[in-house]
Amino acid sequence: MFLHFLLSLCFAHPHESPQIQVNEQTLTGPVIYIADPIYGQVRNRSVVLDPLVLSILPRHANSTFLKGHDDIHVYAGINIKSLTECNYEDDPLYCGIENGNWTLTTFIDETPDVAMLVLTLYNNRGMIIGSSTHTKYKEEKCDVLQKETNIRGNGPKGAYSQKIEEKATGVCEDVAPLIDMHMVNQAAMSLYLGVK
């Protein structure tokens, strides 16, 4: 019986969706659990980034981006507790292997010089099947120094002169990079489109 099971795994079609049994429920198609983001040095933006990541990543997990996969089930945060008792908050990858679902992890780091977003998708055996990394670097923004423009011409009432002045400090500042909605969207699309 066990040999029959191993042979069926070896000869399974690679695009077939697994049938997952969780709490006596059978789900066809991949089940993806989106883990809470993990932060590097800067943690004070998690209040902004957690809802952003956990709202965008499930939206792109569909058959348009995940080619060859239909009936995709996505769980994020505590929603997975409706299916299983495994503690996904402590070890999402272990629970994914135990319950036979895919796991999507997010790593975020924002420093004054670079912002990095890394998405990694693991299959039901804990193997990486997709990854996407997006970075953004600091930018230098400078004010223009004072400049003058003189305009002279002839009009219906004779010659005229106009002077336009622009004043600025001439100071340059480094603008720290921040992860935004566009960056998360791009990372999610490239991650899901890369899954074979």
C-alpha atoms as a PDB file:
ATOM      1  CA  MET A   1       0.000   0.000   0.000  1.00  0.00           C
ATOM      2  CA  PHE A   2       2.795   2.397   0.906  1.00  0.00           C
ATOM      3  CA  LEU A   3       4.654   1.461  -2.292  1.00  0.00           C
ATOM      4  CA  HIS A   4       1.498   2.213  -4.290  1.00  0.00           C
ATOM      5  CA  PHE A   5       1.303   5.636  -2.623  1.00  0.00           C
ATOM      6  CA  LEU A   6       4.948   6.431  -3.495  1.00  0.00           C
ATOM      7  CA  LEU A   7       4.478   5.336  -7.096  1.00  0.00           C
ATOM      8  CA  SER A   8       1.391   7.530  -7.439  1.00  0.00           C
ATOM      9  CA  LEU A   9       3.419  10.518  -6.223  1.00  0.00           C
ATOM     10  CA  CYS A  10       6.197   9.798  -8.714  1.00  0.00           C
ATOM     11  CA  PHE A  11       3.860   9.528 -11.698  1.00  0.00           C
ATOM     12  CA  ALA A  12       1.553  12.399 -10.755  1.00  0.00           C
ATOM     13  CA  HIS A  13       1.104  15.093 -13.371  1.00  0.00           C
ATOM     14  CA  PRO A  14       3.044  18.210 -12.267  1.00  0.00           C
ATOM     15  CA  HIS A  15       0.091  20.562 -12.899  1.00  0.00           C
ATOM     16  CA  GLU A  16      -2.455  18.480 -11.039  1.00  0.00           C
ATOM     17  CA  SER A  17      -3.819  20.256  -8.010  1.00  0.00           C
ATOM     18  CA  PRO A  18      -3.388  18.304  -4.811  1.00  0.00           C
ATOM     19  CA  GLN A  19      -6.409  17.304  -2.795  1.00  0.00           C
ATOM     20  CA  ILE A  20      -5.818  18.539   0.710  1.00  0.00           C
ATOM     21  CA  GLN A  21      -7.589  17.117   3.720  1.00  0.00           C
ATOM     22  CA  VAL A  22      -7.754  19.594   6.586  1.00  0.00           C
ATOM     23  CA  ASN A  23     -10.107  18.987   9.545  1.00  0.00           C
ATOM     24  CA  GLU A  24     -12.165  16.491   7.513  1.00  0.00           C
ATOM     25  CA  GLN A  25     -12.606  19.041   4.687  1.00  0.00           C
ATOM     26  CA  THR A  26     -11.274  18.163   1.246  1.00  0.00           C
ATOM     27  CA  LEU A  27     -10.085  21.131  -0.802  1.00  0.00           C
ATOM     28  CA  THR A  28      -9.132  20.758  -4.434  1.00  0.00           C
ATOM     29  CA  GLY A  29      -6.549  23.100  -5.846  1.00  0.00           C
ATOM     30  CA  PRO A  30      -3.700  24.696  -3.972  1.00  0.00           C
ATOM     31  CA  VAL A  31      -4.249  26.122  -0.502  1.00  0.00           C
ATOM     32  CA  ILE A  32      -1.943  29.085   0.111  1.00  0.00           C
ATOM     33  CA  TYR A  33      -1.269  30.405   3.589  1.00  0.00           C
ATOM     34  CA  ILE A  34       0.107  33.958   3.642  1.00  0.00           C
ATOM     35  CA  ALA A  35       2.217  34.347   6.761  1.00  0.00           C
ATOM     36  CA  ASP A  36       2.529  37.609   8.647  1.00  0.00           C
ATOM     37  CA  PRO A  37       5.494  39.663   7.379  1.00  0.00           C
ATOM     38  CA  ILE A  38       8.869  39.356   9.091  1.00  0.00           C
ATOM     39  CA  TYR A  39      10.726  42.646   9.618  1.00  0.00           C
ATOM     40  CA  GLY A  40      14.436  43.408   9.590  1.00  0.00           C
ATOM     41  CA  GLN A  41      15.832  46.510  11.277  1.00  0.00           C
ATOM     42  CA  VAL A  42      12.820  48.821  11.054  1.00  0.00           C
ATOM     43  CA  ARG A  43       9.626  47.644  12.723  1.00  0.00           C
ATOM     44  CA  ASN A  44       7.752  50.895  13.284  1.00  0.00           C
ATOM     45  CA  ARG A  45       5.983  50.736   9.900  1.00  0.00           C
ATOM     46  CA  SER A  46       4.421  47.303  10.494  1.00  0.00           C
ATOM     47  CA  VAL A  47       1.131  49.027  11.350  1.00  0.00           C
ATOM     48  CA  VAL A  48       1.070  50.377   7.788  1.00  0.00           C
ATOM     49  CA  LEU A  49       2.713  47.502   5.918  1.00  0.00           C
ATOM     50  CA  ASP A  50       0.942  44.492   7.505  1.00  0.00           C
ATOM     51  CA  PRO A  51      -2.511  45.445   6.165  1.00  0.00           C
ATOM     52  CA  LEU A  52      -0.996  46.461   2.826  1.00  0.00           C
ATOM     53  CA  VAL A  53       0.808  43.137   2.311  1.00  0.00           C
ATOM     54  CA  LEU A  54      -2.045  40.989   3.667  1.00  0.00           C
ATOM     55  CA  SER A  55      -4.577  42.699   1.393  1.00  0.00           C
ATOM     56  CA  ILE A  56      -2.558  42.711  -1.866  1.00  0.00           C
ATOM     57  CA  LEU A  57      -0.957  39.241  -1.790  1.00  0.00           C
ATOM     58  CA  PRO A  58      -4.234  37.262  -1.580  1.00  0.00           C
ATOM     59  CA  ARG A  59      -5.808  39.350  -4.355  1.00  0.00           C
ATOM     60  CA  HIS A  60      -3.171  38.268  -6.885  1.00  0.00           C
ATOM     61  CA  ALA A  61      -3.369  34.567  -5.952  1.00  0.00           C
ATOM     62  CA  ASN A  62      -5.711  33.628  -8.786  1.00  0.00           C
ATOM     63  CA  SER A  63      -5.618  31.566 -11.960  1.00  0.00           C
ATOM     64  CA  THR A  64      -4.743  34.652 -14.041  1.00  0.00           C
ATOM     65  CA  PHE A  65      -1.312  34.809 -12.408  1.00  0.00           C
ATOM     66  CA  LEU A  66      -0.933  31.210 -11.173  1.00  0.00           C
ATOM     67  CA  LYS A  67      -1.207  29.548 -14.575  1.00  0.00           C
ATOM     68  CA  GLY A  68      -2.453  25.959 -14.568  1.00  0.00           C
ATOM     69  CA  HIS A  69      -3.956  26.191 -11.088  1.00  0.00           C
ATOM     70  CA  ASP A  70      -7.686  26.553 -10.562  1.00  0.00           C
ATOM     71  CA  ASP A  71      -9.788  26.714  -7.419  1.00  0.00           C
ATOM     72  CA  ILE A  72      -7.098  28.444  -5.338  1.00  0.00           C
ATOM     73  CA  HIS A  73      -7.839  28.854  -1.621  1.00  0.00           C
ATOM     74  CA  VAL A  74      -6.023  31.645   0.227  1.00  0.00           C
ATOM     75  CA  TYR A  75      -5.774  32.034   3.989  1.00  0.00           C
ATOM     76  CA  ALA A  76      -4.047  34.825   5.888  1.00  0.00           C
ATOM     77  CA  GLY A  77      -3.566  35.554   9.553  1.00  0.00           C
ATOM     78  CA  ILE A  78      -5.887  33.740  11.936  1.00  0.00           C
ATOM     79  CA  ASN A  79      -8.294  32.594   9.198  1.00  0.00           C
ATOM     80  CA  ILE A  80      -6.327  29.340   8.906  1.00  0.00           C
ATOM     81  CA  LYS A  81      -7.547  28.353  12.400  1.00  0.00           C
ATOM     82  CA  SER A  82     -10.886  27.485  10.817  1.00  0.00           C
ATOM     83  CA  LEU A  83      -9.110  24.592   9.048  1.00  0.00           C
ATOM     84  CA  THR A  84      -6.475  23.318  11.447  1.00  0.00           C
ATOM     85  CA  GLU A  85      -5.151  23.472  14.989  1.00  0.00           C
ATOM     86  CA  CYS A  86      -1.491  23.831  13.924  1.00  0.00           C
ATOM     87  CA  ASN A  87       0.033  27.106  15.178  1.00  0.00           C
ATOM     88  CA  TYR A  88       0.791  28.943  11.927  1.00  0.00           C
ATOM     89  CA  GLU A  89       1.936  32.070  13.781  1.00  0.00           C
ATOM     90  CA  ASP A  90       4.903  30.270  15.372  1.00  0.00           C
ATOM     91  CA  ASP A  91       6.046  28.190  12.389  1.00  0.00           C
ATOM     92  CA  PRO A  92       4.048  28.690   9.171  1.00  0.00           C
ATOM     93  CA  LEU A  93       6.350  26.559   7.014  1.00  0.00           C
ATOM     94  CA  TYR A  94       6.198  23.557   9.363  1.00  0.00           C
ATOM     95  CA  CYS A  95       2.392  23.782   9.521  1.00  0.00           C
ATOM     96  CA  GLY A  96       2.262  24.087   5.733  1.00  0.00           C
ATOM     97  CA  ILE A  97       4.213  20.848   5.348  1.00  0.00           C
ATOM     98  CA  GLU A  98       2.152  19.140   8.051  1.00  0.00           C
ATOM     99  CA  ASN A  99      -1.174  20.130   6.449  1.00  0.00           C
ATOM    100  CA  GLY A 100      -0.063  19.911   2.797  1.00  0.00           C
ATOM    101  CA  ASN A 101      -0.564  23.563   1.852  1.00  0.00           C
ATOM    102  CA  TRP A 102       1.643  26.178   0.215  1.00  0.00           C
ATOM    103  CA  THR A 103       3.183  28.886   2.405  1.00  0.00           C
ATOM    104  CA  LEU A 104       4.019  32.436   1.344  1.00  0.00           C
ATOM    105  CA  THR A 105       6.500  34.322   3.526  1.00  0.00           C
ATOM    106  CA  THR A 106       7.345  38.026   3.349  1.00  0.00           C
ATOM    107  CA  PHE A 107      10.534  39.694   4.552  1.00  0.00           C
ATOM    108  CA  ILE A 108      10.611  43.497   4.792  1.00  0.00           C
ATOM    109  CA  ASP A 109      13.516  45.755   5.649  1.00  0.00           C
ATOM    110  CA  GLU A 110      13.639  49.542   5.408  1.00  0.00           C
ATOM    111  CA  THR A 111      16.849  51.398   6.206  1.00  0.00           C
ATOM    112  CA  PRO A 112      17.801  54.998   5.400  1.00  0.00           C
ATOM    113  CA  ASP A 113      19.648  53.724   2.303  1.00  0.00           C
ATOM    114  CA  VAL A 114      17.586  50.832   0.924  1.00  0.00           C
ATOM    115  CA  ALA A 115      14.149  49.264   1.241  1.00  0.00           C
ATOM    116  CA  MET A 116      13.828  45.559   0.462  1.00  0.00           C
ATOM    117  CA  LEU A 117      10.795  43.327  -0.035  1.00  0.00           C
ATOM    118  CA  VAL A 118      11.334  39.565  -0.430  1.00  0.00           C
ATOM    119  CA  LEU A 119       8.446  37.187  -1.151  1.00  0.00           C
ATOM    120  CA  THR A 120       9.062  33.425  -1.048  1.00  0.00           C
ATOM    121  CA  LEU A 121       6.466  30.787  -1.940  1.00  0.00           C
ATOM    122  CA  TYR A 122       6.954  27.227  -0.663  1.00  0.00           C
ATOM    123  CA  ASN A 123       5.016  24.197  -1.887  1.00  0.00           C
ATOM    124  CA  ASN A 124       3.382  21.550   0.313  1.00  0.00           C
ATOM    125  CA  ARG A 125       6.772  19.804   0.778  1.00  0.00           C
ATOM    126  CA  GLY A 126       8.569  22.964   1.918  1.00  0.00           C
ATOM    127  CA  MET A 127      10.439  23.494  -1.356  1.00  0.00           C
ATOM    128  CA  ILE A 128      10.733  26.986  -2.862  1.00  0.00           C
ATOM    129  CA  ILE A 129       8.596  27.221  -5.995  1.00  0.00           C
ATOM    130  CA  GLY A 130       8.680  30.988  -6.429  1.00  0.00           C
ATOM    131  CA  SER A 131      10.575  34.010  -5.185  1.00  0.00           C
ATOM    132  CA  SER A 132      10.481  37.727  -5.858  1.00  0.00           C
ATOM    133  CA  THR A 133      12.805  40.451  -4.555  1.00  0.00           C
ATOM    134  CA  HIS A 134      12.253  44.173  -5.038  1.00  0.00           C
ATOM    135  CA  THR A 135      14.536  46.915  -3.770  1.00  0.00           C
ATOM    136  CA  LYS A 136      14.323  50.683  -3.704  1.00  0.00           C
ATOM    137  CA  TYR A 137      17.297  52.979  -3.022  1.00  0.00           C
ATOM    138  CA  LYS A 138      17.487  56.408  -1.412  1.00  0.00           C
ATOM    139  CA  GLU A 139      17.186  59.423  -3.677  1.00  0.00           C
ATOM    140  CA  GLU A 140      18.844  62.794  -3.410  1.00  0.00           C
ATOM    141  CA  LYS A 141      16.449  65.704  -3.874  1.00  0.00           C
ATOM    142  CA  CYS A 142      17.907  69.172  -4.300  1.00  0.00           C
ATOM    143  CA  ASP A 143      16.314  72.610  -4.362  1.00  0.00           C
ATOM    144  CA  VAL A 144      17.350  74.776  -7.291  1.00  0.00           C
ATOM    145  CA  LEU A 145      19.481  77.787  -6.588  1.00  0.00           C
ATOM    146  CA  GLN A 146      18.083  81.233  -7.219  1.00  0.00           C
ATOM    147  CA  LYS A 147      17.604  82.013 -10.875  1.00  0.00           C
ATOM    148  CA  GLU A 148      16.276  85.008 -12.780  1.00  0.00           C
ATOM    149  CA  THR A 149      14.475  85.186 -16.072  1.00  0.00           C
ATOM    150  CA  ASN A 150      14.045  88.491 -17.890  1.00  0.00           C
ATOM    151  CA  ILE A 151      11.460  88.753 -20.641  1.00  0.00           C
ATOM    152  CA  ARG A 152      11.381  91.761 -22.955  1.00  0.00           C
ATOM    153  CA  GLY A 153       9.072  92.359 -25.835  1.00  0.00           C
ATOM    154  CA  ASN A 154       6.788  94.710 -27.665  1.00  0.00           C
ATOM    155  CA  GLY A 155       3.117  94.764 -26.970  1.00  0.00           C
ATOM    156  CA  PRO A 156       0.120  96.844 -28.058  1.00  0.00           C
ATOM    157  CA  LYS A 157       1.079  99.539 -25.553  1.00  0.00           C
ATOM    158  CA  GLY A 158       4.782  99.611 -26.421  1.00  0.00           C
ATOM    159  CA  ALA A 159       7.829  97.863 -25.027  1.00  0.00           C
ATOM    160  CA  TYR A 160       7.577  95.942 -21.768  1.00  0.00           C
ATOM    161  CA  SER A 161       9.883  94.059 -19.463  1.00  0.00           C
ATOM    162  CA  GLN A 162       9.024  91.275 -17.035  1.00  0.00           C
ATOM    163  CA  LYS A 163      11.293  89.698 -14.452  1.00  0.00           C
ATOM    164  CA  ILE A 164      10.624  86.236 -12.950  1.00  0.00           C
ATOM    165  CA  GLU A 165      12.595  85.119  -9.936  1.00  0.00           C
ATOM    166  CA  GLU A 166      12.713  81.669  -8.374  1.00  0.00           C
ATOM    167  CA  LYS A 167      14.266  81.401  -4.969  1.00  0.00           C
ATOM    168  CA  ALA A 168      15.232  78.184  -3.255  1.00  0.00           C
ATOM    169  CA  THR A 169      17.632  77.100  -0.562  1.00  0.00           C
ATOM    170  CA  GLY A 170      20.027  75.184  -2.806  1.00  0.00           C
ATOM    171  CA  VAL A 171      20.156  72.454  -0.140  1.00  0.00           C
ATOM    172  CA  CYS A 172      20.183  68.741  -1.027  1.00  0.00           C
ATOM    173  CA  GLU A 173      18.500  66.095   1.134  1.00  0.00           C
ATOM    174  CA  ASP A 174      18.511  62.306   1.073  1.00  0.00           C
ATOM    175  CA  VAL A 175      14.999  60.868   0.850  1.00  0.00           C
ATOM    176  CA  ALA A 176      14.758  57.470   2.539  1.00  0.00           C
ATOM    177  CA  PRO A 177      13.123  54.733   0.447  1.00  0.00           C
ATOM    178  CA  LEU A 178       9.803  53.319   1.616  1.00  0.00           C
ATOM    179  CA  ILE A 179       7.893  50.242   0.498  1.00  0.00           C
ATOM    180  CA  ASP A 180       4.611  51.272  -1.086  1.00  0.00           C
ATOM    181  CA  MET A 181       1.558  49.690  -2.711  1.00  0.00           C
ATOM    182  CA  HIS A 182       3.108  49.751  -6.194  1.00  0.00           C
ATOM    183  CA  MET A 183       6.176  47.841  -4.982  1.00  0.00           C
ATOM    184  CA  VAL A 184       4.064  45.152  -3.262  1.00  0.00           C
ATOM    185  CA  ASN A 185       1.855  44.825  -6.378  1.00  0.00           C
ATOM    186  CA  GLN A 186       4.873  44.336  -8.655  1.00  0.00           C
ATOM    187  CA  ALA A 187       6.481  41.815  -6.309  1.00  0.00           C
ATOM    188  CA  ALA A 188       3.245  39.792  -5.991  1.00  0.00           C
ATOM    189  CA  MET A 189       2.643  39.668  -9.753  1.00  0.00           C
ATOM    190  CA  SER A 190       6.198  38.600 -10.589  1.00  0.00           C
ATOM    191  CA  LEU A 191       6.116  35.971  -7.809  1.00  0.00           C
ATOM    192  CA  TYR A 192       2.895  34.309  -8.953  1.00  0.00           C
ATOM    193  CA  LEU A 193       3.740  34.554 -12.668  1.00  0.00           C
ATOM    194  CA  GLY A 194       7.026  32.760 -11.964  1.00  0.00           C
ATOM    195  CA  VAL A 195       5.356  29.680 -10.461  1.00  0.00           C
ATOM    196  CA  LYS A 196       5.403  26.746 -12.872  1.00  0.00           C
END
